[in-house]
Amino acid sequence: MSRNQNNSEKQQYNQSSQNQNNRSSQNQNNRSSQNQNNQSSQNQNNRSSQNQNNQSSQNNNQQNSRNQHSSSED
């Protein structure tokens, strides 16, 4: 009887551990793919807006310095 009891306990333990592993791996894969897509779109938006802002401010600065030079020459 002791042999039978031991065998049944081992089978139960093995089955439960396999189920847990399979379920968790599927969930992880699905979540990671969704996150990657979302992050890439956000990065593109952020970079483009920053570049536009930086360029416009630099252009303004250059124009201001030219104006100062021309007025001093007059």
Protein backbone atom coordinates (compact mmCIF):
# COMPACT_ATOMS: atom_id res chain seq x y z
CA MET A 1 0.00 0.00 0.00
CA SER A 2 2.80 2.35 0.72
CA ARG A 3 4.17 1.95 -2.81
CA ASN A 4 0.85 2.78 -4.37
CA GLN A 5 0.40 5.84 -2.23
CA ASN A 6 3.82 7.17 -3.12
CA ASN A 7 3.26 6.70 -6.83
CA SER A 8 -0.07 8.48 -6.83
CA GLU A 9 1.37 11.43 -4.94
CA LYS A 10 4.20 11.78 -7.44
CA GLN A 11 1.81 11.77 -10.36
CA GLN A 12 -0.30 14.50 -8.85
CA TYR A 13 2.72 16.65 -8.17
CA ASN A 14 4.08 16.24 -11.67
CA GLN A 15 0.80 17.12 -13.32
CA SER A 16 0.29 20.25 -11.31
CA SER A 17 3.79 21.55 -11.95
CA GLN A 18 3.50 21.03 -15.70
CA ASN A 19 0.23 22.91 -15.88
CA GLN A 20 1.61 25.87 -14.02
CA ASN A 21 4.62 26.15 -16.26
CA ASN A 22 2.68 26.00 -19.48
CA ARG A 23 0.16 28.61 -18.49
CA SER A 24 2.67 31.10 -17.22
CA SER A 25 4.84 30.94 -20.32
CA GLN A 26 1.91 31.64 -22.63
CA ASN A 27 0.84 34.66 -20.64
CA GLN A 28 4.31 36.11 -20.57
CA ASN A 29 4.75 35.83 -24.31
CA ASN A 30 1.48 37.54 -25.10
CA ARG A 31 2.07 40.42 -22.76
CA SER A 32 5.57 41.14 -23.94
CA SER A 33 4.56 41.40 -27.59
CA GLN A 34 1.84 43.92 -26.80
CA ASN A 35 4.21 46.02 -24.73
CA GLN A 36 6.79 46.17 -27.48
CA ASN A 37 4.30 47.50 -29.98
CA ASN A 38 3.05 50.18 -27.66
CA GLN A 39 6.50 51.38 -26.72
CA SER A 40 7.72 51.74 -30.27
CA SER A 41 4.82 53.97 -31.29
CA GLN A 42 5.29 56.18 -28.25
CA ASN A 43 8.98 56.62 -28.93
CA GLN A 44 8.39 57.73 -32.49
CA ASN A 45 5.93 60.37 -31.39
CA ASN A 46 8.16 61.73 -28.68
CA ARG A 47 11.23 62.01 -30.85
CA SER A 48 9.53 63.85 -33.66
CA SER A 49 8.03 66.46 -31.37
CA GLN A 50 11.35 67.11 -29.64
CA ASN A 51 13.17 67.56 -32.92
CA GLN A 52 10.69 70.10 -34.17
CA ASN A 53 10.96 72.14 -31.02
CA ASN A 54 14.73 72.15 -31.00
CA GLN A 55 15.07 73.23 -34.60
CA SER A 56 12.68 76.13 -34.27
CA SER A 57 14.46 77.52 -31.22
CA GLN A 58 17.83 77.38 -32.93
CA ASN A 59 16.52 79.22 -35.96
CA ASN A 60 15.17 81.99 -33.78
CA ASN A 61 18.47 82.44 -32.05
CA GLN A 62 20.38 82.78 -35.30
CA GLN A 63 18.00 85.40 -36.61
CA ASN A 64 18.28 87.42 -33.42
CA SER A 65 22.04 87.52 -33.58
CA ARG A 66 21.98 88.71 -37.19
CA ASN A 67 19.61 91.48 -36.31
CA GLN A 68 21.88 92.70 -33.56
CA HIS A 69 24.89 92.84 -35.89
CA SER A 70 23.07 94.78 -38.56
CA SER A 71 21.79 97.35 -36.11
CA SER A 72 25.24 97.92 -34.63
CA GLU A 73 26.71 98.50 -38.08
CA ASP A 74 24.11 101.16 -38.83
